[in-house]
Every structure is written in structure tokens, then in C-alpha cells.
Amino acid sequence: MENTGKSEVAWRLELIKQQYEAAQMGLSGFAQGSARHMFISARMQSIGRIHQELQRLVGPEQAIRLVAETLQEHTGSGNNQETGLPTTDEKGHLFHTA
């Protein structure tokens, strides 16, 4: 992969991290009920779209690995059961715990 590809990948991983942070903030924000759910769902859908873009850039296996590593670095463990937000299993597959 050339430098342009690496910076595109890095940019997308940063977007994923930002969307995940926004979703986490949505859990503790002022919104309640369906507004909160819609906000968090929109962030997760955005992460899904960015993941698809990564798949086109680096292939499906590398893309999920990069997303999993990014989320694990951000959460510190990859296990985010207390928030109910997507996390990863030991193979790096994303899943939703709630």
C-alpha cells in the first residue's frame, strides 16, 4: 500500500474512533429514550460505512482487524459490556453486547 492509501486508512480509523467516542458520550448525554437510541445508532451505522470503505482499501480481513484494534486501543480492552456498544471477540469480529 502506498502512502496515500496509508493516510486514507489512518483517516478512516480516526473517524471510527471519533464516531465511537460520540456514541459513548451519547450514553451519558442529556438525550433520553428514542432520541438517544437514534443518536447512538447513527454513530454505529457511520462506523459500519467507514468499515466498508476500509474493506475496499485493504480487504475484509485487514479492515476488521484494524477496526478491532482501533476500538480495543480506545476502550483499553475490547470488552465494552457495561456500555452495550459494539465490541470484538477474540478473533476481532465486531458484535453488539446489548
PDB file of N, CA and C in Angstrom:
ATOM      1  N   MET A   1       0.859  -1.169   0.000  1.00  0.00           N
ATOM      2  CA  MET A   1       0.000   0.000   0.000  1.00  0.00           C
ATOM      3  C   MET A   1       0.901   1.227   0.000  1.00  0.00           C
ATOM      4  N   GLU A   2       0.575   2.210  -0.790  1.00  0.00           N
ATOM      5  CA  GLU A   2       1.372   3.427  -0.873  1.00  0.00           C
ATOM      6  C   GLU A   2       0.965   4.408   0.215  1.00  0.00           C
ATOM      7  N   ASN A   3       1.704   5.507   0.344  1.00  0.00           N
ATOM      8  CA  ASN A   3       1.441   6.498   1.388  1.00  0.00           C
ATOM      9  C   ASN A   3       0.022   7.036   1.354  1.00  0.00           C
ATOM     10  N   THR A   4      -0.497   7.315   0.169  1.00  0.00           N
ATOM     11  CA  THR A   4      -1.861   7.823   0.068  1.00  0.00           C
ATOM     12  C   THR A   4      -2.832   6.832   0.694  1.00  0.00           C
ATOM     13  N   GLY A   5      -2.650   5.562   0.398  1.00  0.00           N
ATOM     14  CA  GLY A   5      -3.513   4.538   0.978  1.00  0.00           C
ATOM     15  C   GLY A   5      -3.395   4.480   2.485  1.00  0.00           C
ATOM     16  N   LYS A   6      -2.188   4.604   2.989  1.00  0.00           N
ATOM     17  CA  LYS A   6      -1.992   4.567   4.441  1.00  0.00           C
ATOM     18  C   LYS A   6      -2.672   5.752   5.105  1.00  0.00           C
ATOM     19  N   SER A   7      -2.548   6.939   4.508  1.00  0.00           N
ATOM     20  CA  SER A   7      -3.180   8.090   5.140  1.00  0.00           C
ATOM     21  C   SER A   7      -4.698   8.006   5.024  1.00  0.00           C
ATOM     22  N   GLU A   8      -5.208   7.432   3.951  1.00  0.00           N
ATOM     23  CA  GLU A   8      -6.657   7.231   3.844  1.00  0.00           C
ATOM     24  C   GLU A   8      -7.134   6.260   4.905  1.00  0.00           C
ATOM     25  N   VAL A   9      -6.376   5.207   5.133  1.00  0.00           N
ATOM     26  CA  VAL A   9      -6.725   4.231   6.169  1.00  0.00           C
ATOM     27  C   VAL A   9      -6.662   4.894   7.536  1.00  0.00           C
ATOM     28  N   ALA A  10      -5.587   5.609   7.823  1.00  0.00           N
ATOM     29  CA  ALA A  10      -5.437   6.277   9.120  1.00  0.00           C
ATOM     30  C   ALA A  10      -6.565   7.276   9.349  1.00  0.00           C
ATOM     31  N   TRP A  11      -6.920   8.014   8.295  1.00  0.00           N
ATOM     32  CA  TRP A  11      -8.009   8.990   8.394  1.00  0.00           C
ATOM     33  C   TRP A  11      -9.319   8.300   8.749  1.00  0.00           C
ATOM     34  N   ARG A  12      -9.593   7.181   8.098  1.00  0.00           N
ATOM     35  CA  ARG A  12     -10.840   6.453   8.366  1.00  0.00           C
ATOM     36  C   ARG A  12     -10.843   5.853   9.774  1.00  0.00           C
ATOM     37  N   LEU A  13      -9.711   5.360  10.226  1.00  0.00           N
ATOM     38  CA  LEU A  13      -9.640   4.825  11.581  1.00  0.00           C
ATOM     39  C   LEU A  13      -9.868   5.927  12.606  1.00  0.00           C
ATOM     40  N   GLU A  14      -9.374   7.108  12.337  1.00  0.00           N
ATOM     41  CA  GLU A  14      -9.626   8.244  13.230  1.00  0.00           C
ATOM     42  C   GLU A  14     -11.113   8.585  13.236  1.00  0.00           C
ATOM     43  N   LEU A  15     -11.765   8.528  12.076  1.00  0.00           N
ATOM     44  CA  LEU A  15     -13.215   8.767  12.018  1.00  0.00           C
ATOM     45  C   LEU A  15     -13.974   7.740  12.848  1.00  0.00           C
ATOM     46  N   ILE A  16     -13.546   6.486  12.771  1.00  0.00           N
ATOM     47  CA  ILE A  16     -14.193   5.436  13.567  1.00  0.00           C
ATOM     48  C   ILE A  16     -14.050   5.749  15.045  1.00  0.00           C
ATOM     49  N   LYS A  17     -12.861   6.129  15.455  1.00  0.00           N
ATOM     50  CA  LYS A  17     -12.630   6.466  16.859  1.00  0.00           C
ATOM     51  C   LYS A  17     -13.524   7.634  17.288  1.00  0.00           C
ATOM     52  N   GLN A  18     -13.643   8.643  16.447  1.00  0.00           N
ATOM     53  CA  GLN A  18     -14.485   9.797  16.777  1.00  0.00           C
ATOM     54  C   GLN A  18     -15.960   9.416  16.869  1.00  0.00           C
ATOM     55  N   GLN A  19     -16.422   8.573  15.949  1.00  0.00           N
ATOM     56  CA  GLN A  19     -17.826   8.137  15.981  1.00  0.00           C
ATOM     57  C   GLN A  19     -18.097   7.309  17.231  1.00  0.00           C
ATOM     58  N   TYR A  20     -17.148   6.464  17.607  1.00  0.00           N
ATOM     59  CA  TYR A  20     -17.299   5.639  18.801  1.00  0.00           C
ATOM     60  C   TYR A  20     -17.342   6.520  20.051  1.00  0.00           C
ATOM     61  N   GLU A  21     -16.458   7.510  20.111  1.00  0.00           N
ATOM     62  CA  GLU A  21     -16.457   8.444  21.242  1.00  0.00           C
ATOM     63  C   GLU A  21     -17.786   9.182  21.329  1.00  0.00           C
ATOM     64  N   ALA A  22     -18.304   9.608  20.183  1.00  0.00           N
ATOM     65  CA  ALA A  22     -19.588  10.308  20.164  1.00  0.00           C
ATOM     66  C   ALA A  22     -20.708   9.399  20.674  1.00  0.00           C
ATOM     67  N   ALA A  23     -20.677   8.143  20.280  1.00  0.00           N
ATOM     68  CA  ALA A  23     -21.698   7.196  20.751  1.00  0.00           C
ATOM     69  C   ALA A  23     -21.597   7.016  22.258  1.00  0.00           C
ATOM     70  N   GLN A  24     -20.391   6.919  22.772  1.00  0.00           N
ATOM     71  CA  GLN A  24     -20.210   6.782  24.216  1.00  0.00           C
ATOM     72  C   GLN A  24     -20.728   8.020  24.949  1.00  0.00           C
ATOM     73  N   MET A  25     -20.449   9.202  24.403  1.00  0.00           N
ATOM     74  CA  MET A  25     -20.955  10.428  25.018  1.00  0.00           C
ATOM     75  C   MET A  25     -22.474  10.464  24.965  1.00  0.00           C
ATOM     76  N   GLY A  26     -23.046   9.880  23.925  1.00  0.00           N
ATOM     77  CA  GLY A  26     -24.495   9.822  23.813  1.00  0.00           C
ATOM     78  C   GLY A  26     -25.132   9.020  24.929  1.00  0.00           C
ATOM     79  N   LEU A  27     -24.399   8.090  25.481  1.00  0.00           N
ATOM     80  CA  LEU A  27     -24.919   7.296  26.594  1.00  0.00           C
ATOM     81  C   LEU A  27     -25.066   8.115  27.862  1.00  0.00           C
ATOM     82  N   SER A  28     -24.220   9.113  28.023  1.00  0.00           N
ATOM     83  CA  SER A  28     -24.261   9.905  29.249  1.00  0.00           C
ATOM     84  C   SER A  28     -24.794  11.317  29.011  1.00  0.00           C
ATOM     85  N   GLY A  29     -25.266  11.590  27.795  1.00  0.00           N
ATOM     86  CA  GLY A  29     -25.752  12.927  27.460  1.00  0.00           C
ATOM     87  C   GLY A  29     -27.150  13.184  27.991  1.00  0.00           C
ATOM     88  N   PHE A  30     -27.679  14.325  27.595  1.00  0.00           N
ATOM     89  CA  PHE A  30     -28.990  14.752  28.081  1.00  0.00           C
ATOM     90  C   PHE A  30     -30.155  14.092  27.350  1.00  0.00           C
ATOM     91  N   ALA A  31     -29.912  13.596  26.165  1.00  0.00           N
ATOM     92  CA  ALA A  31     -30.990  12.971  25.394  1.00  0.00           C
ATOM     93  C   ALA A  31     -31.478  11.716  26.110  1.00  0.00           C
ATOM     94  N   GLN A  32     -32.758  11.421  25.936  1.00  0.00           N
ATOM     95  CA  GLN A  32     -33.326  10.238  26.562  1.00  0.00           C
ATOM     96  C   GLN A  32     -34.134   9.442  25.547  1.00  0.00           C
ATOM     97  N   GLY A  33     -34.367   8.194  25.871  1.00  0.00           N
ATOM     98  CA  GLY A  33     -35.252   7.347  25.089  1.00  0.00           C
ATOM     99  C   GLY A  33     -34.848   7.197  23.640  1.00  0.00           C
ATOM    100  N   SER A  34     -35.817   7.414  22.755  1.00  0.00           N
ATOM    101  CA  SER A  34     -35.585   7.158  21.334  1.00  0.00           C
ATOM    102  C   SER A  34     -34.577   8.133  20.736  1.00  0.00           C
ATOM    103  N   ALA A  35     -34.491   9.365  21.247  1.00  0.00           N
ATOM    104  CA  ALA A  35     -33.506  10.322  20.723  1.00  0.00           C
ATOM    105  C   ALA A  35     -32.099   9.804  20.971  1.00  0.00           C
ATOM    106  N   ARG A  36     -31.848   9.285  22.146  1.00  0.00           N
ATOM    107  CA  ARG A  36     -30.546   8.729  22.488  1.00  0.00           C
ATOM    108  C   ARG A  36     -30.250   7.521  21.603  1.00  0.00           C
ATOM    109  N   HIS A  37     -31.231   6.650  21.468  1.00  0.00           N
ATOM    110  CA  HIS A  37     -31.052   5.455  20.639  1.00  0.00           C
ATOM    111  C   HIS A  37     -30.747   5.841  19.194  1.00  0.00           C
ATOM    112  N   MET A  38     -31.470   6.819  18.655  1.00  0.00           N
ATOM    113  CA  MET A  38     -31.245   7.246  17.278  1.00  0.00           C
ATOM    114  C   MET A  38     -29.842   7.827  17.102  1.00  0.00           C
ATOM    115  N   PHE A  39     -29.393   8.604  18.080  1.00  0.00           N
ATOM    116  CA  PHE A  39     -28.064   9.203  18.007  1.00  0.00           C
ATOM    117  C   PHE A  39     -26.987   8.115  17.998  1.00  0.00           C
ATOM    118  N   ILE A  40     -27.081   7.181  18.926  1.00  0.00           N
ATOM    119  CA  ILE A  40     -26.084   6.112  19.018  1.00  0.00           C
ATOM    120  C   ILE A  40     -26.152   5.218  17.785  1.00  0.00           C
ATOM    121  N   SER A  41     -27.346   4.891  17.324  1.00  0.00           N
ATOM    122  CA  SER A  41     -27.494   4.069  16.119  1.00  0.00           C
ATOM    123  C   SER A  41     -26.861   4.743  14.902  1.00  0.00           C
ATOM    124  N   ALA A  42     -27.038   6.037  14.786  1.00  0.00           N
ATOM    125  CA  ALA A  42     -26.437   6.767  13.663  1.00  0.00           C
ATOM    126  C   ALA A  42     -24.911   6.680  13.722  1.00  0.00           C
ATOM    127  N   ARG A  43     -24.336   6.775  14.906  1.00  0.00           N
ATOM    128  CA  ARG A  43     -22.876   6.664  15.049  1.00  0.00           C
ATOM    129  C   ARG A  43     -22.406   5.255  14.660  1.00  0.00           C
ATOM    130  N   MET A  44     -23.139   4.244  15.071  1.00  0.00           N
ATOM    131  CA  MET A  44     -22.753   2.861  14.755  1.00  0.00           C
ATOM    132  C   MET A  44     -22.901   2.589  13.259  1.00  0.00           C
ATOM    133  N   GLN A  45     -23.945   3.154  12.648  1.00  0.00           N
ATOM    134  CA  GLN A  45     -24.113   3.000  11.197  1.00  0.00           C
ATOM    135  C   GLN A  45     -22.981   3.691  10.454  1.00  0.00           C
ATOM    136  N   SER A  46     -22.545   4.820  10.952  1.00  0.00           N
ATOM    137  CA  SER A  46     -21.417   5.524  10.352  1.00  0.00           C
ATOM    138  C   SER A  46     -20.157   4.666  10.436  1.00  0.00           C
ATOM    139  N   ILE A  47     -19.935   4.052  11.572  1.00  0.00           N
ATOM    140  CA  ILE A  47     -18.780   3.153  11.717  1.00  0.00           C
ATOM    141  C   ILE A  47     -18.877   2.019  10.708  1.00  0.00           C
ATOM    142  N   GLY A  48     -20.063   1.492  10.503  1.00  0.00           N
ATOM    143  CA  GLY A  48     -20.261   0.424   9.522  1.00  0.00           C
ATOM    144  C   GLY A  48     -19.912   0.866   8.108  1.00  0.00           C
ATOM    145  N   ARG A  49     -20.323   2.084   7.749  1.00  0.00           N
ATOM    146  CA  ARG A  49     -19.993   2.604   6.415  1.00  0.00           C
ATOM    147  C   ARG A  49     -18.487   2.807   6.255  1.00  0.00           C
ATOM    148  N   ILE A  50     -17.848   3.332   7.287  1.00  0.00           N
ATOM    149  CA  ILE A  50     -16.402   3.537   7.225  1.00  0.00           C
ATOM    150  C   ILE A  50     -15.691   2.192   7.126  1.00  0.00           C
ATOM    151  N   HIS A  51     -16.196   1.192   7.834  1.00  0.00           N
ATOM    152  CA  HIS A  51     -15.626  -0.157   7.754  1.00  0.00           C
ATOM    153  C   HIS A  51     -15.706  -0.688   6.326  1.00  0.00           C
ATOM    154  N   GLN A  52     -16.830  -0.447   5.652  1.00  0.00           N
ATOM    155  CA  GLN A  52     -16.964  -0.880   4.257  1.00  0.00           C
ATOM    156  C   GLN A  52     -15.943  -0.187   3.362  1.00  0.00           C
ATOM    157  N   GLU A  53     -15.704   1.101   3.625  1.00  0.00           N
ATOM    158  CA  GLU A  53     -14.683   1.816   2.854  1.00  0.00           C
ATOM    159  C   GLU A  53     -13.298   1.209   3.102  1.00  0.00           C
ATOM    160  N   LEU A  54     -13.020   0.869   4.348  1.00  0.00           N
ATOM    161  CA  LEU A  54     -11.742   0.229   4.672  1.00  0.00           C
ATOM    162  C   LEU A  54     -11.604  -1.111   3.954  1.00  0.00           C
ATOM    163  N   GLN A  55     -12.701  -1.860   3.862  1.00  0.00           N
ATOM    164  CA  GLN A  55     -12.659  -3.143   3.162  1.00  0.00           C
ATOM    165  C   GLN A  55     -12.217  -2.956   1.715  1.00  0.00           C
ATOM    166  N   ARG A  56     -12.706  -1.913   1.084  1.00  0.00           N
ATOM    167  CA  ARG A  56     -12.311  -1.652  -0.301  1.00  0.00           C
ATOM    168  C   ARG A  56     -10.831  -1.266  -0.397  1.00  0.00           C
ATOM    169  N   LEU A  57     -10.318  -0.605   0.627  1.00  0.00           N
ATOM    170  CA  LEU A  57      -8.928  -0.158   0.600  1.00  0.00           C
ATOM    171  C   LEU A  57      -7.929  -1.266   0.938  1.00  0.00           C
ATOM    172  N   VAL A  58      -8.255  -2.084   1.952  1.00  0.00           N
ATOM    173  CA  VAL A  58      -7.262  -3.050   2.455  1.00  0.00           C
ATOM    174  C   VAL A  58      -7.744  -4.495   2.461  1.00  0.00           C
ATOM    175  N   GLY A  59      -8.990  -4.737   2.082  1.00  0.00           N
ATOM    176  CA  GLY A  59      -9.547  -6.083   2.104  1.00  0.00           C
ATOM    177  C   GLY A  59     -10.301  -6.334   3.397  1.00  0.00           C
ATOM    178  N   PRO A  60     -11.225  -7.312   3.377  1.00  0.00           N
ATOM    179  CA  PRO A  60     -12.107  -7.528   4.524  1.00  0.00           C
ATOM    180  C   PRO A  60     -11.399  -7.967   5.804  1.00  0.00           C
ATOM    181  N   GLU A  61     -10.454  -8.864   5.703  1.00  0.00           N
ATOM    182  CA  GLU A  61      -9.786  -9.353   6.916  1.00  0.00           C
ATOM    183  C   GLU A  61      -8.965  -8.267   7.589  1.00  0.00           C
ATOM    184  N   GLN A  62      -8.194  -7.538   6.800  1.00  0.00           N
ATOM    185  CA  GLN A  62      -7.382  -6.461   7.365  1.00  0.00           C
ATOM    186  C   GLN A  62      -8.270  -5.341   7.899  1.00  0.00           C
ATOM    187  N   ALA A  63      -9.367  -5.058   7.228  1.00  0.00           N
ATOM    188  CA  ALA A  63     -10.266  -3.987   7.663  1.00  0.00           C
ATOM    189  C   ALA A  63     -10.844  -4.287   9.039  1.00  0.00           C
ATOM    190  N   ILE A  64     -11.360  -5.487   9.261  1.00  0.00           N
ATOM    191  CA  ILE A  64     -11.943  -5.807  10.569  1.00  0.00           C
ATOM    192  C   ILE A  64     -10.866  -5.834  11.638  1.00  0.00           C
ATOM    193  N   ARG A  65      -9.684  -6.294  11.271  1.00  0.00           N
ATOM    194  CA  ARG A  65      -8.572  -6.298  12.228  1.00  0.00           C
ATOM    195  C   ARG A  65      -8.234  -4.866  12.658  1.00  0.00           C
ATOM    196  N   LEU A  66      -8.159  -3.950  11.696  1.00  0.00           N
ATOM    197  CA  LEU A  66      -7.850  -2.555  12.005  1.00  0.00           C
ATOM    198  C   LEU A  66      -8.934  -1.909  12.860  1.00  0.00           C
ATOM    199  N   VAL A  67     -10.199  -2.168  12.526  1.00  0.00           N
ATOM    200  CA  VAL A  67     -11.298  -1.611  13.313  1.00  0.00           C
ATOM    201  C   VAL A  67     -11.252  -2.161  14.733  1.00  0.00           C
ATOM    202  N   ALA A  68     -11.063  -3.468  14.861  1.00  0.00           N
ATOM    203  CA  ALA A  68     -10.999  -4.084  16.191  1.00  0.00           C
ATOM    204  C   ALA A  68      -9.853  -3.511  17.007  1.00  0.00           C
ATOM    205  N   GLU A  69      -8.693  -3.373  16.401  1.00  0.00           N
ATOM    206  CA  GLU A  69      -7.535  -2.819  17.113  1.00  0.00           C
ATOM    207  C   GLU A  69      -7.804  -1.379  17.538  1.00  0.00           C
ATOM    208  N   THR A  70      -8.422  -0.608  16.656  1.00  0.00           N
ATOM    209  CA  THR A  70      -8.724   0.792  16.979  1.00  0.00           C
ATOM    210  C   THR A  70      -9.677   0.879  18.162  1.00  0.00           C
ATOM    211  N   LEU A  71     -10.728   0.069  18.146  1.00  0.00           N
ATOM    212  CA  LEU A  71     -11.689   0.097  19.253  1.00  0.00           C
ATOM    213  C   LEU A  71     -11.076  -0.449  20.533  1.00  0.00           C
ATOM    214  N   GLN A  72     -10.249  -1.476  20.428  1.00  0.00           N
ATOM    215  CA  GLN A  72      -9.599  -2.018  21.615  1.00  0.00           C
ATOM    216  C   GLN A  72      -8.629  -1.017  22.222  1.00  0.00           C
ATOM    217  N   GLU A  73      -7.880  -0.313  21.392  1.00  0.00           N
ATOM    218  CA  GLU A  73      -6.979   0.724  21.901  1.00  0.00           C
ATOM    219  C   GLU A  73      -7.779   1.818  22.595  1.00  0.00           C
ATOM    220  N   HIS A  74      -8.903   2.170  22.008  1.00  0.00           N
ATOM    221  CA  HIS A  74      -9.716   3.253  22.567  1.00  0.00           C
ATOM    222  C   HIS A  74     -10.369   2.841  23.884  1.00  0.00           C
ATOM    223  N   THR A  75     -10.869   1.625  23.969  1.00  0.00           N
ATOM    224  CA  THR A  75     -11.559   1.186  25.184  1.00  0.00           C
ATOM    225  C   THR A  75     -10.598   0.590  26.196  1.00  0.00           C
ATOM    226  N   GLY A  76      -9.436   0.194  25.739  1.00  0.00           N
ATOM    227  CA  GLY A  76      -8.455  -0.387  26.640  1.00  0.00           C
ATOM    228  C   GLY A  76      -8.545  -1.892  26.771  1.00  0.00           C
ATOM    229  N   SER A  77      -9.644  -2.485  26.285  1.00  0.00           N
ATOM    230  CA  SER A  77      -9.767  -3.932  26.464  1.00  0.00           C
ATOM    231  C   SER A  77     -10.465  -4.642  25.321  1.00  0.00           C
ATOM    232  N   GLY A  78     -11.288  -3.935  24.580  1.00  0.00           N
ATOM    233  CA  GLY A  78     -12.088  -4.596  23.555  1.00  0.00           C
ATOM    234  C   GLY A  78     -13.360  -5.191  24.129  1.00  0.00           C
ATOM    235  N   ASN A  79     -13.522  -5.116  25.456  1.00  0.00           N
ATOM    236  CA  ASN A  79     -14.711  -5.650  26.103  1.00  0.00           C
ATOM    237  C   ASN A  79     -15.472  -4.477  26.689  1.00  0.00           C
ATOM    238  N   ASN A  80     -16.594  -4.143  26.116  1.00  0.00           N
ATOM    239  CA  ASN A  80     -17.313  -2.949  26.489  1.00  0.00           C
ATOM    240  C   ASN A  80     -18.725  -3.293  26.946  1.00  0.00           C
ATOM    241  N   GLN A  81     -18.855  -4.305  27.778  1.00  0.00           N
ATOM    242  CA  GLN A  81     -20.163  -4.801  28.167  1.00  0.00           C
ATOM    243  C   GLN A  81     -20.955  -3.806  28.998  1.00  0.00           C
ATOM    244  N   GLU A  82     -20.277  -2.969  29.788  1.00  0.00           N
ATOM    245  CA  GLU A  82     -21.017  -2.035  30.616  1.00  0.00           C
ATOM    246  C   GLU A  82     -21.725  -0.969  29.792  1.00  0.00           C
ATOM    247  N   THR A  83     -21.259  -0.653  28.596  1.00  0.00           N
ATOM    248  CA  THR A  83     -21.904   0.369  27.775  1.00  0.00           C
ATOM    249  C   THR A  83     -22.902  -0.223  26.800  1.00  0.00           C
ATOM    250  N   GLY A  84     -22.766  -1.482  26.442  1.00  0.00           N
ATOM    251  CA  GLY A  84     -23.644  -2.083  25.462  1.00  0.00           C
ATOM    252  C   GLY A  84     -23.300  -1.717  24.034  1.00  0.00           C
ATOM    253  N   LEU A  85     -22.172  -1.029  23.816  1.00  0.00           N
ATOM    254  CA  LEU A  85     -21.759  -0.675  22.463  1.00  0.00           C
ATOM    255  C   LEU A  85     -21.002  -1.832  21.836  1.00  0.00           C
ATOM    256  N   PRO A  86     -20.891  -1.845  20.520  1.00  0.00           N
ATOM    257  CA  PRO A  86     -20.192  -2.938  19.860  1.00  0.00           C
ATOM    258  C   PRO A  86     -18.783  -3.132  20.405  1.00  0.00           C
ATOM    259  N   THR A  87     -18.393  -4.368  20.429  1.00  0.00           N
ATOM    260  CA  THR A  87     -17.071  -4.743  20.897  1.00  0.00           C
ATOM    261  C   THR A  87     -16.562  -5.850  19.981  1.00  0.00           C
ATOM    262  N   THR A  88     -15.478  -6.497  20.320  1.00  0.00           N
ATOM    263  CA  THR A  88     -14.923  -7.527  19.464  1.00  0.00           C
ATOM    264  C   THR A  88     -14.724  -8.821  20.248  1.00  0.00           C
ATOM    265  N   ASP A  89     -14.794  -9.935  19.523  1.00  0.00           N
ATOM    266  CA  ASP A  89     -14.462 -11.199  20.153  1.00  0.00           C
ATOM    267  C   ASP A  89     -12.968 -11.451  19.998  1.00  0.00           C
ATOM    268  N   GLU A  90     -12.504 -12.610  20.463  1.00  0.00           N
ATOM    269  CA  GLU A  90     -11.070 -12.897  20.427  1.00  0.00           C
ATOM    270  C   GLU A  90     -10.502 -12.987  19.010  1.00  0.00           C
ATOM    271  N   LYS A  91     -11.368 -13.139  18.013  1.00  0.00           N
ATOM    272  CA  LYS A  91     -10.910 -13.194  16.623  1.00  0.00           C
ATOM    273  C   LYS A  91     -11.011 -11.834  15.934  1.00  0.00           C
ATOM    274  N   GLY A  92     -11.448 -10.804  16.669  1.00  0.00           N
ATOM    275  CA  GLY A  92     -11.539  -9.468  16.097  1.00  0.00           C
ATOM    276  C   GLY A  92     -12.836  -9.178  15.370  1.00  0.00           C
ATOM    277  N   HIS A  93     -13.858 -10.048  15.526  1.00  0.00           N
ATOM    278  CA  HIS A  93     -15.148  -9.793  14.883  1.00  0.00           C
ATOM    279  C   HIS A  93     -15.980  -8.857  15.755  1.00  0.00           C
ATOM    280  N   LEU A  94     -16.575  -7.854  15.144  1.00  0.00           N
ATOM    281  CA  LEU A  94     -17.432  -6.921  15.867  1.00  0.00           C
ATOM    282  C   LEU A  94     -18.757  -7.579  16.202  1.00  0.00           C
ATOM    283  N   PHE A  95     -19.273  -7.278  17.390  1.00  0.00           N
ATOM    284  CA  PHE A  95     -20.609  -7.712  17.748  1.00  0.00           C
ATOM    285  C   PHE A  95     -21.178  -6.739  18.759  1.00  0.00           C
ATOM    286  N   HIS A  96     -22.482  -6.786  18.943  1.00  0.00           N
ATOM    287  CA  HIS A  96     -23.176  -5.871  19.848  1.00  0.00           C
ATOM    288  C   HIS A  96     -23.546  -6.644  21.095  1.00  0.00           C
ATOM    289  N   THR A  97     -23.226  -6.106  22.289  1.00  0.00           N
ATOM    290  CA  THR A  97     -23.438  -6.839  23.528  1.00  0.00           C
ATOM    291  C   THR A  97     -24.815  -6.638  24.147  1.00  0.00           C
ATOM    292  N   ALA A  98     -25.543  -5.618  23.723  1.00  0.00           N
ATOM    293  CA  ALA A  98     -26.845  -5.360  24.349  1.00  0.00           C
ATOM    294  C   ALA A  98     -27.951  -6.108  23.678  1.00  0.00           C
TER     295      ALA A  98
END
